[in-house]
Amino acid sequence: MDIVVGKQGTKTVLMVLSERVARKELIFKIPSKSQAAVKTLTLNGLRTLSEIKKEN
């Protein structure tokens, strides 16, 4: 999991989740890098990655 912060003065944040075995990446745009925003999307993203892993 990586967090990419936009240019200074903006709140744009991208969260990247990588699944190495299936070689899939999910990229989410989140409203801020607050703990609540990251935690919520991490849980949702991990569920999605596990579904992708089951398909392969």
Protein backbone atom coordinates (compact mmCIF):
# COMPACT_ATOMS: atom_id res chain seq x y z
CA MET A 1 0.00 0.00 0.00
CA ASP A 2 1.27 3.44 -0.92
CA ILE A 3 -0.14 6.91 -0.44
CA VAL A 4 0.61 9.54 -3.09
CA VAL A 5 -0.07 13.13 -2.02
CA GLY A 6 -0.86 15.78 -4.64
CA LYS A 7 0.91 19.09 -5.02
CA GLN A 8 1.20 21.44 -2.08
CA GLY A 9 -1.99 23.33 -1.28
CA THR A 10 -4.34 20.57 -2.45
CA LYS A 11 -5.87 17.73 -0.49
CA THR A 12 -5.84 15.25 -3.36
CA VAL A 13 -4.50 11.86 -2.26
CA LEU A 14 -4.18 8.60 -4.17
CA MET A 15 -4.01 5.28 -2.37
CA VAL A 16 -2.41 2.42 -4.31
CA LEU A 17 -2.91 -1.21 -3.31
CA SER A 18 -0.78 -3.82 -5.10
CA GLU A 19 -1.43 -7.55 -5.32
CA ARG A 20 1.86 -9.12 -6.30
CA VAL A 21 0.79 -12.65 -7.23
CA ALA A 22 -1.97 -11.63 -9.66
CA ARG A 23 -0.03 -8.47 -10.64
CA LYS A 24 -3.03 -6.24 -10.13
CA GLU A 25 -3.10 -2.74 -8.74
CA LEU A 26 -6.04 -0.76 -7.41
CA ILE A 27 -5.84 3.01 -7.26
CA PHE A 28 -8.34 5.01 -5.21
CA LYS A 29 -8.73 8.77 -4.98
CA ILE A 30 -9.46 9.65 -1.37
CA PRO A 31 -10.54 13.00 0.11
CA SER A 32 -7.67 13.29 2.59
CA LYS A 33 -4.89 11.28 4.17
CA SER A 34 -6.73 11.07 7.47
CA GLN A 35 -6.62 7.82 9.36
CA ALA A 36 -10.36 7.23 8.93
CA ALA A 37 -10.28 7.68 5.13
CA VAL A 38 -7.25 5.43 4.69
CA LYS A 39 -8.58 2.74 7.05
CA THR A 40 -11.98 2.57 5.33
CA LEU A 41 -10.53 2.28 1.85
CA THR A 42 -7.84 -0.15 2.94
CA LEU A 43 -10.47 -2.58 4.22
CA ASN A 44 -12.56 -2.22 1.05
CA GLY A 45 -9.49 -2.51 -1.16
CA LEU A 46 -8.25 -5.63 0.58
CA ARG A 47 -11.64 -7.27 0.07
CA THR A 48 -11.46 -6.41 -3.62
CA LEU A 49 -7.90 -7.71 -3.93
CA SER A 50 -8.87 -10.99 -2.27
CA GLU A 51 -11.70 -11.38 -4.79
CA ILE A 52 -9.28 -10.76 -7.67
CA LYS A 53 -6.87 -13.31 -6.19
CA LYS A 54 -9.65 -15.96 -6.04
CA GLU A 55 -10.45 -15.42 -9.74
CA ASN A 56 -6.88 -16.25 -10.81
